[in-house]
Amino acid sequence: MSNSSSFNEFLLLAFADMRQLQLLHFWLFLGIYLAALLGNGLIITAVACDHRLHTPMYFFLLNLSLLDLGTISATVPKSMANSLSNTRAISYWGCAAQVFHFTLLITTEYSVLTVMAYDRYVAICKPLHYGTIMSSRACVKMAAAAWASGFLNTLLHTAITFSIPLCQGNVVEQFFCEIPQILKLSCSDSYLREVGALVLTLCLVLGCFVFIVLSYVQIFTVVLRIPSEQGRHKAFSMCIPHLAVVSLFVITVMFAYLKPPSLSSPALDLVVTVLYSVVPPTVNPLIYSMRNKELKDALKKLVQLLLLQQQ
């Protein structure tokens, strides 16, 4: 029996063995990564620089963009570096750091999406009290609570995962270090330490999901009662981007973690993991900017200013 201290590195899943395909993977991921950096970077800069966007909705959108940047940066650069250098290795502590940062950012993002649902609920269902309920102090407290809950949850899972003896070698069947894949390497009776923490996390995830669903049930009930078509259109424009982002996040994560074992295969697991870890951070800026006139105007001014500075 060997445990996690008997080796100093893990071997990640390679996208391909052929050198040409490894380089193709590098360039594909580089394009995706640069698109995510550009999209989220523009949103962060626009929200920070345009005083008209200093509202609760855009404050939480700024947090979401920061989390998206961190999520994709925690996984994609290492995968690109491995493909470029034709290796699969990641150090033991590098793997632990990757697990911690990815889990922290993905769980915090779910909490922020839940808070954003509450923000939309208050804005549409209690508009007269919006300024009081969603004050600057309240928004900071909610964002801090989202980050703190993500940190504590991640600390618990990371500590438990990397204290479990590993008896099945050091080959991680994924392109980055992921807790479920590392637990597959554990001794048959050791993973039970993680069960209690997983149950607690599952309860929190289901609680947030139920809260989001109930919020949108009440939101759409109120919106459908608005007599003005223009008013209904404005309300839907406020909610649809957030609902699309939540749906993309929840569907991909649920399929990744709750799909039946009979559907599991290395190729499918790889595709599904890319869908929930790489695609949302890249497309979220596009989703939020498509139907949001204020954000589009701010982004246009920002791009024009950057172009003028280069001339």
Protein backbone atom coordinates (compact mmCIF):
# COMPACT_ATOMS: atom_id res chain seq x y z
CA MET A 1 0.00 0.00 0.00
CA SER A 2 1.34 3.42 -1.00
CA ASN A 3 -0.05 6.70 0.16
CA SER A 4 0.08 10.22 -1.21
CA SER A 5 3.44 10.97 0.34
CA SER A 6 5.20 8.22 -1.62
CA PHE A 7 5.33 10.27 -4.84
CA ASN A 8 5.91 13.93 -5.59
CA GLU A 9 3.86 14.37 -8.75
CA PHE A 10 0.66 13.38 -10.52
CA LEU A 11 0.22 12.50 -14.19
CA LEU A 12 -2.65 14.32 -15.89
CA LEU A 13 -4.73 13.05 -18.80
CA ALA A 14 -3.26 14.07 -22.14
CA PHE A 15 -5.60 15.31 -24.87
CA ALA A 16 -3.59 13.47 -27.51
CA ASP A 17 -0.42 11.46 -28.05
CA MET A 18 0.45 12.78 -31.51
CA ARG A 19 2.62 15.89 -31.47
CA GLN A 20 0.49 17.67 -34.09
CA LEU A 21 -2.66 17.13 -32.03
CA GLN A 22 -0.89 18.32 -28.88
CA LEU A 23 0.01 21.56 -30.66
CA LEU A 24 -3.56 21.85 -31.95
CA HIS A 25 -4.81 21.51 -28.37
CA PHE A 26 -2.35 24.21 -27.27
CA TRP A 27 -3.49 26.70 -29.91
CA LEU A 28 -7.18 25.91 -29.36
CA PHE A 29 -6.92 26.41 -25.61
CA LEU A 30 -4.80 29.53 -26.13
CA GLY A 31 -7.54 31.06 -28.29
CA ILE A 32 -10.22 30.17 -25.73
CA TYR A 33 -8.10 31.50 -22.87
CA LEU A 34 -7.38 34.80 -24.63
CA ALA A 35 -11.09 35.19 -25.45
CA ALA A 36 -11.96 34.65 -21.77
CA LEU A 37 -9.28 37.11 -20.66
CA LEU A 38 -10.47 39.72 -23.14
CA GLY A 39 -14.19 39.36 -22.44
CA ASN A 40 -13.97 39.25 -18.65
CA GLY A 41 -11.21 41.87 -18.57
CA LEU A 42 -13.34 44.30 -20.58
CA ILE A 43 -16.32 43.79 -18.29
CA ILE A 44 -14.21 44.29 -15.14
CA THR A 45 -12.64 47.46 -16.57
CA ALA A 46 -15.96 48.84 -17.84
CA VAL A 47 -17.74 48.28 -14.52
CA ALA A 48 -14.83 49.73 -12.53
CA CYS A 49 -14.42 52.83 -14.71
CA ASP A 50 -18.01 53.77 -15.64
CA HIS A 51 -19.81 55.39 -12.69
CA ARG A 52 -23.20 54.55 -14.26
CA LEU A 53 -22.43 50.88 -13.67
CA HIS A 54 -21.71 51.32 -9.97
CA THR A 55 -24.91 49.50 -8.99
CA PRO A 56 -25.48 46.21 -7.14
CA MET A 57 -26.16 44.25 -10.33
CA TYR A 58 -22.87 45.28 -11.92
CA PHE A 59 -20.97 44.93 -8.65
CA PHE A 60 -21.92 41.25 -8.56
CA LEU A 61 -21.22 40.95 -12.30
CA LEU A 62 -17.70 42.26 -11.61
CA ASN A 63 -17.28 39.55 -8.95
CA LEU A 64 -18.53 36.95 -11.42
CA SER A 65 -16.02 38.07 -14.07
CA LEU A 66 -13.18 37.93 -11.54
CA LEU A 67 -14.23 34.39 -10.61
CA ASP A 68 -14.46 33.36 -14.28
CA LEU A 69 -10.96 34.69 -14.92
CA GLY A 70 -9.64 32.79 -11.92
CA THR A 71 -11.46 29.56 -12.81
CA ILE A 72 -10.09 29.32 -16.32
CA SER A 73 -6.64 30.48 -15.18
CA ALA A 74 -6.49 27.69 -12.58
CA THR A 75 -6.71 24.93 -15.19
CA VAL A 76 -6.05 25.97 -18.79
CA PRO A 77 -2.49 27.44 -18.60
CA LYS A 78 -1.06 24.28 -17.01
CA SER A 79 -2.78 22.10 -19.61
CA MET A 80 -1.39 24.29 -22.41
CA ALA A 81 2.11 24.18 -20.91
CA ASN A 82 1.97 20.38 -20.68
CA SER A 83 0.90 20.06 -24.33
CA LEU A 84 3.60 22.46 -25.47
CA SER A 85 6.33 20.63 -23.54
CA ASN A 86 4.96 17.14 -24.30
CA THR A 87 4.54 16.15 -20.66
CA ARG A 88 1.70 15.09 -18.35
CA ALA A 89 3.29 15.85 -14.98
CA ILE A 90 2.11 18.22 -12.28
CA SER A 91 3.83 18.42 -8.90
CA TYR A 92 2.06 17.12 -5.79
CA TRP A 93 1.75 20.60 -4.28
CA GLY A 94 0.89 22.07 -7.66
CA CYS A 95 -1.98 19.60 -7.85
CA ALA A 96 -3.11 20.53 -4.34
CA ALA A 97 -2.97 24.24 -5.24
CA GLN A 98 -4.95 23.60 -8.43
CA VAL A 99 -7.63 21.69 -6.52
CA PHE A 100 -7.87 24.44 -3.91
CA HIS A 101 -8.09 27.35 -6.36
CA PHE A 102 -10.49 25.68 -8.79
CA THR A 103 -12.82 24.44 -6.03
CA LEU A 104 -12.73 27.82 -4.28
CA LEU A 105 -13.59 29.73 -7.44
CA ILE A 106 -16.28 27.34 -8.72
CA THR A 107 -18.10 27.14 -5.35
CA THR A 108 -17.84 30.90 -4.80
CA GLU A 109 -19.22 31.50 -8.30
CA TYR A 110 -22.28 29.40 -7.46
CA SER A 111 -22.79 31.47 -4.30
CA VAL A 112 -22.44 34.72 -6.27
CA LEU A 113 -24.98 33.50 -8.85
CA THR A 114 -27.36 32.80 -5.95
CA VAL A 115 -26.87 36.33 -4.60
CA MET A 116 -27.44 37.73 -8.10
CA ALA A 117 -30.77 35.88 -8.22
CA TYR A 118 -31.74 37.58 -4.96
CA ASP A 119 -30.70 40.95 -6.42
CA ARG A 120 -32.99 40.40 -9.43
CA TYR A 121 -35.81 39.28 -7.12
CA VAL A 122 -35.59 42.45 -5.02
CA ALA A 123 -35.28 44.69 -8.10
CA ILE A 124 -38.45 43.32 -9.71
CA CYS A 125 -40.59 42.14 -6.80
CA LYS A 126 -39.72 44.88 -4.27
CA PRO A 127 -38.58 47.85 -6.36
CA LEU A 128 -39.57 50.48 -3.77
CA HIS A 129 -37.30 48.88 -1.17
CA TYR A 130 -34.43 48.06 -3.55
CA GLY A 131 -32.19 50.93 -2.46
CA THR A 132 -32.57 50.00 1.21
CA ILE A 133 -32.23 46.23 0.88
CA MET A 134 -29.41 46.29 -1.67
CA SER A 135 -27.36 49.08 -0.11
CA SER A 136 -23.61 49.28 -0.70
CA ARG A 137 -22.90 47.82 2.72
CA ALA A 138 -25.36 44.95 2.18
CA CYS A 139 -23.83 44.13 -1.22
CA VAL A 140 -20.31 44.02 0.23
CA LYS A 141 -21.50 41.77 3.06
CA MET A 142 -23.22 39.38 0.63
CA ALA A 143 -20.17 39.22 -1.64
CA ALA A 144 -17.91 38.64 1.39
CA ALA A 145 -20.22 35.88 2.62
CA ALA A 146 -20.09 34.20 -0.81
CA TRP A 147 -16.28 34.27 -0.84
CA ALA A 148 -16.01 33.17 2.81
CA SER A 149 -18.40 30.23 2.35
CA GLY A 150 -16.47 29.14 -0.74
CA PHE A 151 -13.16 29.40 1.12
CA LEU A 152 -14.31 27.37 4.14
CA ASN A 153 -15.92 24.69 1.95
CA THR A 154 -12.81 24.45 -0.21
CA LEU A 155 -10.46 24.31 2.76
CA LEU A 156 -12.43 21.41 4.21
CA HIS A 157 -12.51 19.39 0.97
CA THR A 158 -8.88 20.03 0.05
CA ALA A 159 -7.61 19.09 3.51
CA ILE A 160 -9.63 15.86 3.54
CA THR A 161 -8.76 14.90 -0.04
CA PHE A 162 -5.01 15.27 0.40
CA SER A 163 -4.96 13.49 3.75
CA ILE A 164 -6.41 10.31 2.26
CA PRO A 165 -3.92 7.52 1.42
CA LEU A 166 -3.70 6.85 -2.32
CA CYS A 167 -3.36 3.19 -3.30
CA GLN A 168 -4.19 3.34 -7.01
CA GLY A 169 -1.12 5.15 -8.36
CA ASN A 170 -0.80 8.79 -9.38
CA VAL A 171 -2.53 8.95 -12.80
CA VAL A 172 -5.38 11.50 -12.74
CA GLU A 173 -7.93 10.76 -15.49
CA GLN A 174 -8.56 14.43 -16.21
CA PHE A 175 -6.67 17.36 -17.77
CA PHE A 176 -6.45 19.08 -14.37
CA CYS A 177 -6.47 17.96 -10.74
CA GLU A 178 -10.09 17.43 -9.72
CA ILE A 179 -11.30 16.06 -6.39
CA PRO A 180 -13.49 13.21 -7.79
CA GLN A 181 -10.60 11.96 -9.95
CA ILE A 182 -8.14 12.07 -7.04
CA LEU A 183 -10.60 10.17 -4.82
CA LYS A 184 -10.59 7.38 -7.43
CA LEU A 185 -6.94 6.84 -6.49
CA SER A 186 -7.71 6.43 -2.79
CA CYS A 187 -7.81 3.21 -0.79
CA SER A 188 -11.23 1.56 -0.90
CA ASP A 189 -12.16 2.46 2.68
CA SER A 190 -10.44 5.84 2.93
CA TYR A 191 -12.74 7.91 0.72
CA LEU A 192 -15.48 7.59 3.39
CA ARG A 193 -13.79 10.51 5.19
CA GLU A 194 -14.96 12.71 2.35
CA VAL A 195 -18.58 11.50 2.41
CA GLY A 196 -19.65 13.74 5.31
CA ALA A 197 -18.16 16.82 3.66
CA LEU A 198 -19.78 15.91 0.33
CA VAL A 199 -23.20 15.53 1.98
CA LEU A 200 -22.85 18.96 3.60
CA THR A 201 -21.82 20.53 0.30
CA LEU A 202 -24.67 18.80 -1.53
CA CYS A 203 -27.17 20.23 0.97
CA LEU A 204 -25.77 23.74 0.44
CA VAL A 205 -25.83 23.32 -3.36
CA LEU A 206 -29.43 22.07 -3.32
CA GLY A 207 -30.42 24.90 -0.97
CA CYS A 208 -28.96 27.49 -3.34
CA PHE A 209 -30.61 25.81 -6.33
CA VAL A 210 -34.04 25.80 -4.65
CA PHE A 211 -33.56 29.46 -3.67
CA ILE A 212 -32.74 30.41 -7.28
CA VAL A 213 -35.74 28.49 -8.64
CA LEU A 214 -38.17 30.00 -6.11
CA SER A 215 -36.76 33.49 -6.79
CA TYR A 216 -37.41 33.14 -10.52
CA VAL A 217 -40.88 31.69 -9.98
CA GLN A 218 -41.80 34.85 -8.06
CA ILE A 219 -39.98 37.08 -10.55
CA PHE A 220 -41.84 35.68 -13.57
CA THR A 221 -45.13 35.79 -11.66
CA VAL A 222 -44.65 39.53 -11.14
CA VAL A 223 -43.30 40.18 -14.66
CA LEU A 224 -46.28 38.51 -16.37
CA ARG A 225 -48.59 40.85 -14.43
CA ILE A 226 -46.88 43.98 -15.80
CA PRO A 227 -49.44 45.58 -18.18
CA SER A 228 -46.88 47.34 -20.36
CA GLU A 229 -45.13 45.26 -23.01
CA GLN A 230 -42.12 47.56 -22.75
CA GLY A 231 -42.01 47.00 -18.99
CA ARG A 232 -42.13 43.22 -19.43
CA HIS A 233 -39.37 43.39 -22.04
CA LYS A 234 -37.16 45.47 -19.73
CA ALA A 235 -37.72 43.06 -16.84
CA PHE A 236 -36.95 40.02 -18.98
CA SER A 237 -33.82 41.74 -20.30
CA MET A 238 -32.61 42.09 -16.71
CA CYS A 239 -33.22 38.42 -15.87
CA ILE A 240 -32.54 36.38 -18.99
CA PRO A 241 -28.72 36.82 -19.04
CA HIS A 242 -28.43 35.73 -15.40
CA LEU A 243 -30.83 32.83 -15.94
CA ALA A 244 -28.85 31.71 -19.01
CA VAL A 245 -25.56 31.81 -17.06
CA VAL A 246 -27.08 29.89 -14.13
CA SER A 247 -28.58 27.28 -16.47
CA LEU A 248 -25.28 26.76 -18.31
CA PHE A 249 -23.39 26.46 -15.02
CA VAL A 250 -25.84 24.12 -13.27
CA ILE A 251 -26.54 21.83 -16.25
CA THR A 252 -22.88 21.25 -17.10
CA VAL A 253 -21.82 20.73 -13.46
CA MET A 254 -24.75 18.40 -12.70
CA PHE A 255 -24.05 16.31 -15.80
CA ALA A 256 -20.34 16.15 -14.93
CA TYR A 257 -20.89 14.95 -11.37
CA LEU A 258 -24.27 13.17 -11.43
CA LYS A 259 -24.19 11.26 -14.72
CA PRO A 260 -24.66 7.46 -14.36
CA PRO A 261 -21.44 5.40 -14.17
CA SER A 262 -22.60 3.51 -17.26
CA LEU A 263 -22.17 6.71 -19.30
CA SER A 264 -18.72 7.38 -17.93
CA SER A 265 -15.72 7.10 -20.23
CA PRO A 266 -12.40 9.00 -20.37
CA ALA A 267 -13.39 10.78 -23.60
CA LEU A 268 -16.87 11.78 -22.36
CA ASP A 269 -15.55 12.84 -18.95
CA LEU A 270 -12.98 15.02 -20.69
CA VAL A 271 -15.56 16.70 -22.92
CA VAL A 272 -17.99 17.29 -20.04
CA THR A 273 -15.25 18.75 -17.83
CA VAL A 274 -14.23 21.15 -20.60
CA LEU A 275 -17.90 22.18 -20.90
CA TYR A 276 -18.25 23.16 -17.25
CA SER A 277 -14.73 24.43 -16.52
CA VAL A 278 -13.75 26.20 -19.75
CA VAL A 279 -16.89 27.13 -21.70
CA PRO A 280 -18.85 29.17 -19.05
CA PRO A 281 -15.95 31.57 -18.22
CA THR A 282 -15.56 32.19 -21.95
CA VAL A 283 -19.20 32.73 -22.95
CA ASN A 284 -20.50 34.47 -19.80
CA PRO A 285 -19.24 37.94 -20.91
CA LEU A 286 -20.97 37.44 -24.27
CA ILE A 287 -24.23 36.38 -22.60
CA TYR A 288 -24.27 39.40 -20.29
CA SER A 289 -23.36 41.93 -22.95
CA MET A 290 -25.78 40.77 -25.69
CA ARG A 291 -29.03 42.03 -24.10
CA ASN A 292 -27.64 44.74 -21.83
CA LYS A 293 -27.64 48.19 -23.45
CA GLU A 294 -25.87 49.93 -20.54
CA LEU A 295 -23.05 47.40 -20.55
CA LYS A 296 -22.74 47.47 -24.34
CA ASP A 297 -22.50 51.26 -24.31
CA ALA A 298 -19.85 51.17 -21.59
CA LEU A 299 -17.87 48.54 -23.49
CA LYS A 300 -18.06 50.56 -26.73
CA LYS A 301 -16.75 53.66 -24.96
CA LEU A 302 -13.97 51.63 -23.36
CA VAL A 303 -12.90 50.11 -26.69
CA GLN A 304 -13.01 53.51 -28.40
CA LEU A 305 -10.89 55.00 -25.61
CA LEU A 306 -8.33 52.19 -25.93
CA LEU A 307 -8.17 52.67 -29.71
CA LEU A 308 -7.68 56.43 -29.34
CA GLN A 309 -4.84 55.89 -26.87
CA GLN A 310 -3.05 53.62 -29.36
CA GLN A 311 -3.27 56.19 -32.19
